[in-house]
Amino acid sequence: MFLGSIITMAFMSMLFTWIYNNTGGSVFAALLFHPMVNLSTYVVFPVFETQTGPLYYLISMITVAIIILAVFGAKRMVRGGK
């Protein structure tokens, strides 16, 4: 569980970075994304109440981050796009 949490946080930080950099440095967009992730994870789809939920959550975070990297490239993950 601890290793899965560390991996999930790493990929979530990639998503936060991508949102921040691709909205012109909007902190508000990143701040809005955070409660939406929490709302969907704990209220709408309570993934941590099942035994396989955390695994699916980890796999979905990795998949979304890889898709974003594949579609937009690593250059969109750095400030200024250089």
PDB file of N, CA and C in Angstrom:
ATOM      1  N   MET A   1       0.828  -1.195   0.000  1.00  0.00           N
ATOM      2  CA  MET A   1       0.000   0.000   0.000  1.00  0.00           C
ATOM      3  C   MET A   1       0.874   1.261   0.000  1.00  0.00           C
ATOM      4  N   PHE A   2       1.962   1.237   0.756  1.00  0.00           N
ATOM      5  CA  PHE A   2       2.836   2.412   0.824  1.00  0.00           C
ATOM      6  C   PHE A   2       3.489   2.684  -0.530  1.00  0.00           C
ATOM      7  N   LEU A   3       4.001   1.646  -1.169  1.00  0.00           N
ATOM      8  CA  LEU A   3       4.649   1.819  -2.471  1.00  0.00           C
ATOM      9  C   LEU A   3       3.643   2.303  -3.515  1.00  0.00           C
ATOM     10  N   GLY A   4       2.427   1.768  -3.470  1.00  0.00           N
ATOM     11  CA  GLY A   4       1.387   2.219  -4.396  1.00  0.00           C
ATOM     12  C   GLY A   4       1.046   3.680  -4.200  1.00  0.00           C
ATOM     13  N   SER A   5       1.045   4.127  -2.938  1.00  0.00           N
ATOM     14  CA  SER A   5       0.763   5.538  -2.651  1.00  0.00           C
ATOM     15  C   SER A   5       1.855   6.444  -3.202  1.00  0.00           C
ATOM     16  N   ILE A   6       3.102   6.030  -3.052  1.00  0.00           N
ATOM     17  CA  ILE A   6       4.226   6.813  -3.571  1.00  0.00           C
ATOM     18  C   ILE A   6       4.149   6.915  -5.096  1.00  0.00           C
ATOM     19  N   ILE A   7       3.861   5.810  -5.758  1.00  0.00           N
ATOM     20  CA  ILE A   7       3.761   5.815  -7.219  1.00  0.00           C
ATOM     21  C   ILE A   7       2.588   6.676  -7.675  1.00  0.00           C
ATOM     22  N   THR A   8       1.454   6.554  -6.987  1.00  0.00           N
ATOM     23  CA  THR A   8       0.289   7.370  -7.329  1.00  0.00           C
ATOM     24  C   THR A   8       0.586   8.849  -7.176  1.00  0.00           C
ATOM     25  N   MET A   9       1.262   9.225  -6.090  1.00  0.00           N
ATOM     26  CA  MET A   9       1.614  10.638  -5.894  1.00  0.00           C
ATOM     27  C   MET A   9       2.547  11.146  -6.979  1.00  0.00           C
ATOM     28  N   ALA A  10       3.471  10.311  -7.422  1.00  0.00           N
ATOM     29  CA  ALA A  10       4.390  10.727  -8.481  1.00  0.00           C
ATOM     30  C   ALA A  10       3.630  10.997  -9.777  1.00  0.00           C
ATOM     31  N   PHE A  11       2.721  10.111 -10.134  1.00  0.00           N
ATOM     32  CA  PHE A  11       1.970  10.319 -11.370  1.00  0.00           C
ATOM     33  C   PHE A  11       0.940  11.435 -11.234  1.00  0.00           C
ATOM     34  N   MET A  12       0.378  11.607 -10.044  1.00  0.00           N
ATOM     35  CA  MET A  12      -0.537  12.731  -9.831  1.00  0.00           C
ATOM     36  C   MET A  12       0.212  14.061  -9.945  1.00  0.00           C
ATOM     37  N   SER A  13       1.437  14.096  -9.468  1.00  0.00           N
ATOM     38  CA  SER A  13       2.212  15.333  -9.597  1.00  0.00           C
ATOM     39  C   SER A  13       2.478  15.653 -11.067  1.00  0.00           C
ATOM     40  N   MET A  14       2.623  14.620 -11.899  1.00  0.00           N
ATOM     41  CA  MET A  14       2.764  14.854 -13.331  1.00  0.00           C
ATOM     42  C   MET A  14       1.498  15.486 -13.896  1.00  0.00           C
ATOM     43  N   LEU A  15       0.338  15.030 -13.444  1.00  0.00           N
ATOM     44  CA  LEU A  15      -0.922  15.607 -13.922  1.00  0.00           C
ATOM     45  C   LEU A  15      -1.090  17.045 -13.454  1.00  0.00           C
ATOM     46  N   PHE A  16      -0.749  17.317 -12.198  1.00  0.00           N
ATOM     47  CA  PHE A  16      -0.821  18.691 -11.695  1.00  0.00           C
ATOM     48  C   PHE A  16       0.132  19.601 -12.462  1.00  0.00           C
ATOM     49  N   THR A  17       1.329  19.114 -12.747  1.00  0.00           N
ATOM     50  CA  THR A  17       2.305  19.894 -13.511  1.00  0.00           C
ATOM     51  C   THR A  17       1.789  20.189 -14.905  1.00  0.00           C
ATOM     52  N   TRP A  18       1.221  19.184 -15.545  1.00  0.00           N
ATOM     53  CA  TRP A  18       0.699  19.373 -16.899  1.00  0.00           C
ATOM     54  C   TRP A  18      -0.434  20.395 -16.890  1.00  0.00           C
ATOM     55  N   ILE A  19      -1.338  20.292 -15.936  1.00  0.00           N
ATOM     56  CA  ILE A  19      -2.449  21.254 -15.857  1.00  0.00           C
ATOM     57  C   ILE A  19      -1.917  22.668 -15.627  1.00  0.00           C
ATOM     58  N   TYR A  20      -0.989  22.811 -14.694  1.00  0.00           N
ATOM     59  CA  TYR A  20      -0.435  24.132 -14.388  1.00  0.00           C
ATOM     60  C   TYR A  20       0.262  24.733 -15.609  1.00  0.00           C
ATOM     61  N   ASN A  21       1.101  23.961 -16.259  1.00  0.00           N
ATOM     62  CA  ASN A  21       1.870  24.482 -17.390  1.00  0.00           C
ATOM     63  C   ASN A  21       1.009  24.758 -18.614  1.00  0.00           C
ATOM     64  N   ASN A  22      -0.057  24.002 -18.806  1.00  0.00           N
ATOM     65  CA  ASN A  22      -0.865  24.160 -20.010  1.00  0.00           C
ATOM     66  C   ASN A  22      -2.066  25.064 -19.825  1.00  0.00           C
ATOM     67  N   THR A  23      -2.174  25.686 -18.678  1.00  0.00           N
ATOM     68  CA  THR A  23      -3.210  26.703 -18.468  1.00  0.00           C
ATOM     69  C   THR A  23      -2.568  28.061 -18.255  1.00  0.00           C
ATOM     70  N   GLY A  24      -1.354  28.209 -18.713  1.00  0.00           N
ATOM     71  CA  GLY A  24      -0.658  29.484 -18.585  1.00  0.00           C
ATOM     72  C   GLY A  24      -0.211  29.778 -17.167  1.00  0.00           C
ATOM     73  N   GLY A  25       0.047  28.749 -16.395  1.00  0.00           N
ATOM     74  CA  GLY A  25       0.501  28.936 -15.022  1.00  0.00           C
ATOM     75  C   GLY A  25      -0.640  29.240 -14.058  1.00  0.00           C
ATOM     76  N   SER A  26      -1.812  28.740 -14.369  1.00  0.00           N
ATOM     77  CA  SER A  26      -2.973  29.008 -13.524  1.00  0.00           C
ATOM     78  C   SER A  26      -2.965  28.106 -12.292  1.00  0.00           C
ATOM     79  N   VAL A  27      -2.752  28.726 -11.147  1.00  0.00           N
ATOM     80  CA  VAL A  27      -2.817  27.990  -9.892  1.00  0.00           C
ATOM     81  C   VAL A  27      -4.262  27.589  -9.616  1.00  0.00           C
ATOM     82  N   PHE A  28      -5.204  28.421 -10.042  1.00  0.00           N
ATOM     83  CA  PHE A  28      -6.611  28.130  -9.833  1.00  0.00           C
ATOM     84  C   PHE A  28      -7.018  26.819 -10.503  1.00  0.00           C
ATOM     85  N   ALA A  29      -6.516  26.551 -11.703  1.00  0.00           N
ATOM     86  CA  ALA A  29      -6.849  25.304 -12.396  1.00  0.00           C
ATOM     87  C   ALA A  29      -6.326  24.100 -11.615  1.00  0.00           C
ATOM     88  N   ALA A  30      -5.113  24.203 -11.100  1.00  0.00           N
ATOM     89  CA  ALA A  30      -4.562  23.111 -10.294  1.00  0.00           C
ATOM     90  C   ALA A  30      -5.326  22.965  -8.986  1.00  0.00           C
ATOM     91  N   LEU A  31      -5.705  24.105  -8.390  1.00  0.00           N
ATOM     92  CA  LEU A  31      -6.498  24.059  -7.156  1.00  0.00           C
ATOM     93  C   LEU A  31      -7.881  23.471  -7.406  1.00  0.00           C
ATOM     94  N   LEU A  32      -8.448  23.699  -8.551  1.00  0.00           N
ATOM     95  CA  LEU A  32      -9.743  23.134  -8.896  1.00  0.00           C
ATOM     96  C   LEU A  32      -9.644  21.640  -9.187  1.00  0.00           C
ATOM     97  N   PHE A  33      -8.533  21.227  -9.774  1.00  0.00           N
ATOM     98  CA  PHE A  33      -8.325  19.814 -10.092  1.00  0.00           C
ATOM     99  C   PHE A  33      -8.200  18.975  -8.819  1.00  0.00           C
ATOM    100  N   HIS A  34      -7.565  19.502  -7.805  1.00  0.00           N
ATOM    101  CA  HIS A  34      -7.339  18.751  -6.572  1.00  0.00           C
ATOM    102  C   HIS A  34      -8.638  18.323  -5.884  1.00  0.00           C
ATOM    103  N   PRO A  35      -9.589  19.229  -5.620  1.00  0.00           N
ATOM    104  CA  PRO A  35     -10.827  18.744  -4.993  1.00  0.00           C
ATOM    105  C   PRO A  35     -11.668  17.860  -5.912  1.00  0.00           C
ATOM    106  N   MET A  36     -11.536  18.045  -7.223  1.00  0.00           N
ATOM    107  CA  MET A  36     -12.276  17.169  -8.131  1.00  0.00           C
ATOM    108  C   MET A  36     -11.741  15.742  -8.055  1.00  0.00           C
ATOM    109  N   VAL A  37     -10.429  15.595  -7.924  1.00  0.00           N
ATOM    110  CA  VAL A  37      -9.850  14.257  -7.746  1.00  0.00           C
ATOM    111  C   VAL A  37     -10.311  13.673  -6.419  1.00  0.00           C
ATOM    112  N   ASN A  38     -10.274  14.475  -5.366  1.00  0.00           N
ATOM    113  CA  ASN A  38     -10.708  13.985  -4.057  1.00  0.00           C
ATOM    114  C   ASN A  38     -12.188  13.629  -4.053  1.00  0.00           C
ATOM    115  N   LEU A  39     -13.014  14.459  -4.679  1.00  0.00           N
ATOM    116  CA  LEU A  39     -14.443  14.199  -4.731  1.00  0.00           C
ATOM    117  C   LEU A  39     -14.734  12.897  -5.469  1.00  0.00           C
ATOM    118  N   SER A  40     -14.073  12.703  -6.598  1.00  0.00           N
ATOM    119  CA  SER A  40     -14.326  11.490  -7.368  1.00  0.00           C
ATOM    120  C   SER A  40     -13.754  10.253  -6.683  1.00  0.00           C
ATOM    121  N   THR A  41     -12.669  10.411  -5.946  1.00  0.00           N
ATOM    122  CA  THR A  41     -12.023   9.267  -5.310  1.00  0.00           C
ATOM    123  C   THR A  41     -12.718   8.834  -4.024  1.00  0.00           C
ATOM    124  N   TYR A  42     -13.162   9.779  -3.240  1.00  0.00           N
ATOM    125  CA  TYR A  42     -13.706   9.442  -1.924  1.00  0.00           C
ATOM    126  C   TYR A  42     -15.226   9.492  -1.837  1.00  0.00           C
ATOM    127  N   VAL A  43     -15.896  10.259  -2.691  1.00  0.00           N
ATOM    128  CA  VAL A  43     -17.340  10.428  -2.568  1.00  0.00           C
ATOM    129  C   VAL A  43     -18.084   9.716  -3.701  1.00  0.00           C
ATOM    130  N   VAL A  44     -17.792  10.076  -4.941  1.00  0.00           N
ATOM    131  CA  VAL A  44     -18.531   9.538  -6.074  1.00  0.00           C
ATOM    132  C   VAL A  44     -18.188   8.073  -6.319  1.00  0.00           C
ATOM    133  N   PHE A  45     -16.897   7.776  -6.389  1.00  0.00           N
ATOM    134  CA  PHE A  45     -16.415   6.402  -6.567  1.00  0.00           C
ATOM    135  C   PHE A  45     -15.473   6.084  -5.419  1.00  0.00           C
ATOM    136  N   PRO A  46     -15.979   5.633  -4.292  1.00  0.00           N
ATOM    137  CA  PRO A  46     -15.115   5.405  -3.121  1.00  0.00           C
ATOM    138  C   PRO A  46     -14.185   4.199  -3.328  1.00  0.00           C
ATOM    139  N   VAL A  47     -13.061   4.447  -3.988  1.00  0.00           N
ATOM    140  CA  VAL A  47     -12.162   3.357  -4.387  1.00  0.00           C
ATOM    141  C   VAL A  47     -11.466   2.695  -3.208  1.00  0.00           C
ATOM    142  N   PHE A  48     -11.303   3.397  -2.112  1.00  0.00           N
ATOM    143  CA  PHE A  48     -10.560   2.822  -1.002  1.00  0.00           C
ATOM    144  C   PHE A  48     -11.433   1.993  -0.068  1.00  0.00           C
ATOM    145  N   GLU A  49     -12.699   1.818  -0.423  1.00  0.00           N
ATOM    146  CA  GLU A  49     -13.583   0.965   0.360  1.00  0.00           C
ATOM    147  C   GLU A  49     -13.629  -0.461  -0.171  1.00  0.00           C
ATOM    148  N   THR A  50     -12.967  -0.706  -1.283  1.00  0.00           N
ATOM    149  CA  THR A  50     -12.904  -2.057  -1.832  1.00  0.00           C
ATOM    150  C   THR A  50     -11.463  -2.544  -1.776  1.00  0.00           C
ATOM    151  N   GLN A  51     -11.289  -3.821  -1.985  1.00  0.00           N
ATOM    152  CA  GLN A  51      -9.944  -4.382  -1.905  1.00  0.00           C
ATOM    153  C   GLN A  51      -9.136  -4.125  -3.176  1.00  0.00           C
ATOM    154  N   THR A  52      -9.789  -4.133  -4.320  1.00  0.00           N
ATOM    155  CA  THR A  52      -9.075  -3.924  -5.584  1.00  0.00           C
ATOM    156  C   THR A  52      -9.126  -2.478  -6.062  1.00  0.00           C
ATOM    157  N   GLY A  53      -9.877  -1.636  -5.380  1.00  0.00           N
ATOM    158  CA  GLY A  53     -10.009  -0.237  -5.781  1.00  0.00           C
ATOM    159  C   GLY A  53      -8.697   0.517  -5.877  1.00  0.00           C
ATOM    160  N   PRO A  54      -7.817   0.433  -4.856  1.00  0.00           N
ATOM    161  CA  PRO A  54      -6.545   1.159  -4.950  1.00  0.00           C
ATOM    162  C   PRO A  54      -5.685   0.728  -6.142  1.00  0.00           C
ATOM    163  N   LEU A  55      -5.736  -0.556  -6.484  1.00  0.00           N
ATOM    164  CA  LEU A  55      -4.964  -1.027  -7.639  1.00  0.00           C
ATOM    165  C   LEU A  55      -5.495  -0.409  -8.925  1.00  0.00           C
ATOM    166  N   TYR A  56      -6.808  -0.387  -9.081  1.00  0.00           N
ATOM    167  CA  TYR A  56      -7.405   0.225 -10.269  1.00  0.00           C
ATOM    168  C   TYR A  56      -7.147   1.729 -10.308  1.00  0.00           C
ATOM    169  N   TYR A  57      -7.146   2.361  -9.153  1.00  0.00           N
ATOM    170  CA  TYR A  57      -6.851   3.793  -9.065  1.00  0.00           C
ATOM    171  C   TYR A  57      -5.414   4.060  -9.518  1.00  0.00           C
ATOM    172  N   LEU A  58      -4.489   3.246  -9.046  1.00  0.00           N
ATOM    173  CA  LEU A  58      -3.084   3.377  -9.451  1.00  0.00           C
ATOM    174  C   LEU A  58      -2.932   3.172 -10.949  1.00  0.00           C
ATOM    175  N   ILE A  59      -3.555   2.141 -11.471  1.00  0.00           N
ATOM    176  CA  ILE A  59      -3.459   1.856 -12.902  1.00  0.00           C
ATOM    177  C   ILE A  59      -4.072   2.988 -13.721  1.00  0.00           C
ATOM    178  N   SER A  60      -5.185   3.549 -13.266  1.00  0.00           N
ATOM    179  CA  SER A  60      -5.804   4.640 -14.017  1.00  0.00           C
ATOM    180  C   SER A  60      -4.940   5.900 -14.002  1.00  0.00           C
ATOM    181  N   MET A  61      -4.303   6.210 -12.869  1.00  0.00           N
ATOM    182  CA  MET A  61      -3.428   7.382 -12.805  1.00  0.00           C
ATOM    183  C   MET A  61      -2.220   7.210 -13.735  1.00  0.00           C
ATOM    184  N   ILE A  62      -1.631   6.024 -13.729  1.00  0.00           N
ATOM    185  CA  ILE A  62      -0.491   5.762 -14.609  1.00  0.00           C
ATOM    186  C   ILE A  62      -0.919   5.857 -16.066  1.00  0.00           C
ATOM    187  N   THR A  63      -2.070   5.292 -16.400  1.00  0.00           N
ATOM    188  CA  THR A  63      -2.555   5.317 -17.774  1.00  0.00           C
ATOM    189  C   THR A  63      -2.816   6.736 -18.257  1.00  0.00           C
ATOM    190  N   VAL A  64      -3.472   7.538 -17.450  1.00  0.00           N
ATOM    191  CA  VAL A  64      -3.765   8.924 -17.843  1.00  0.00           C
ATOM    192  C   VAL A  64      -2.481   9.719 -18.025  1.00  0.00           C
ATOM    193  N   ALA A  65      -1.520   9.554 -17.120  1.00  0.00           N
ATOM    194  CA  ALA A  65      -0.256  10.283 -17.234  1.00  0.00           C
ATOM    195  C   ALA A  65       0.514   9.855 -18.481  1.00  0.00           C
ATOM    196  N   ILE A  66       0.522   8.576 -18.789  1.00  0.00           N
ATOM    197  CA  ILE A  66       1.227   8.096 -19.982  1.00  0.00           C
ATOM    198  C   ILE A  66       0.538   8.592 -21.251  1.00  0.00           C
ATOM    199  N   ILE A  67      -0.777   8.599 -21.269  1.00  0.00           N
ATOM    200  CA  ILE A  67      -1.504   9.111 -22.439  1.00  0.00           C
ATOM    201  C   ILE A  67      -1.206  10.588 -22.648  1.00  0.00           C
ATOM    202  N   ILE A  68      -1.203  11.370 -21.572  1.00  0.00           N
ATOM    203  CA  ILE A  68      -0.895  12.797 -21.699  1.00  0.00           C
ATOM    204  C   ILE A  68       0.522  12.999 -22.211  1.00  0.00           C
ATOM    205  N   LEU A  69       1.472  12.219 -21.702  1.00  0.00           N
ATOM    206  CA  LEU A  69       2.846  12.331 -22.196  1.00  0.00           C
ATOM    207  C   LEU A  69       2.952  11.911 -23.650  1.00  0.00           C
ATOM    208  N   ALA A  70       2.226  10.871 -24.051  1.00  0.00           N
ATOM    209  CA  ALA A  70       2.292  10.398 -25.429  1.00  0.00           C
ATOM    210  C   ALA A  70       1.654  11.394 -26.394  1.00  0.00           C
ATOM    211  N   VAL A  71       0.554  12.002 -25.985  1.00  0.00           N
ATOM    212  CA  VAL A  71      -0.157  12.915 -26.876  1.00  0.00           C
ATOM    213  C   VAL A  71       0.532  14.279 -26.941  1.00  0.00           C
ATOM    214  N   PHE A  72       0.883  14.821 -25.794  1.00  0.00           N
ATOM    215  CA  PHE A  72       1.413  16.184 -25.761  1.00  0.00           C
ATOM    216  C   PHE A  72       2.931  16.250 -25.699  1.00  0.00           C
ATOM    217  N   GLY A  73       3.583  15.184 -25.324  1.00  0.00           N
ATOM    218  CA  GLY A  73       5.034  15.157 -25.277  1.00  0.00           C
ATOM    219  C   GLY A  73       5.594  15.731 -23.991  1.00  0.00           C
ATOM    220  N   ALA A  74       6.844  15.420 -23.754  1.00  0.00           N
ATOM    221  CA  ALA A  74       7.510  15.859 -22.529  1.00  0.00           C
ATOM    222  C   ALA A  74       7.785  17.359 -22.523  1.00  0.00           C
ATOM    223  N   LYS A  75       7.811  17.992 -23.697  1.00  0.00           N
ATOM    224  CA  LYS A  75       8.081  19.428 -23.744  1.00  0.00           C
ATOM    225  C   LYS A  75       6.972  20.236 -23.085  1.00  0.00           C
ATOM    226  N   ARG A  76       5.770  19.694 -23.020  1.00  0.00           N
ATOM    227  CA  ARG A  76       4.665  20.398 -22.368  1.00  0.00           C
ATOM    228  C   ARG A  76       4.692  20.241 -20.854  1.00  0.00           C
ATOM    229  N   MET A  77       5.639  19.454 -20.348  1.00  0.00           N
ATOM    230  CA  MET A  77       5.733  19.220 -18.913  1.00  0.00           C
ATOM    231  C   MET A  77       6.694  20.191 -18.232  1.00  0.00           C
ATOM    232  N   VAL A  78       7.369  21.009 -19.007  1.00  0.00           N
ATOM    233  CA  VAL A  78       8.297  21.979 -18.414  1.00  0.00           C
ATOM    234  C   VAL A  78       7.756  23.381 -18.632  1.00  0.00           C
ATOM    235  N   ARG A  79       8.112  24.264 -17.747  1.00  0.00           N
ATOM    236  CA  ARG A  79       7.633  25.636 -17.840  1.00  0.00           C
ATOM    237  C   ARG A  79       8.209  26.309 -19.082  1.00  0.00           C
ATOM    238  N   GLY A  80       7.368  26.954 -19.826  1.00  0.00           N
ATOM    239  CA  GLY A  80       7.807  27.654 -21.036  1.00  0.00           C
ATOM    240  C   GLY A  80       7.781  26.790 -22.280  1.00  0.00           C
ATOM    241  N   GLY A  81       7.636  25.478 -22.145  1.00  0.00           N
ATOM    242  CA  GLY A  81       7.540  24.581 -23.290  1.00  0.00           C
ATOM    243  C   GLY A  81       8.814  24.470 -24.109  1.00  0.00           C
ATOM    244  N   LYS A  82       9.963  24.732 -23.484  1.00  0.00           N
ATOM    245  CA  LYS A  82      11.224  24.675 -24.228  1.00  0.00           C
ATOM    246  C   LYS A  82      11.898  23.342 -24.049  1.00  0.00           C
TER     247      LYS A  82
END
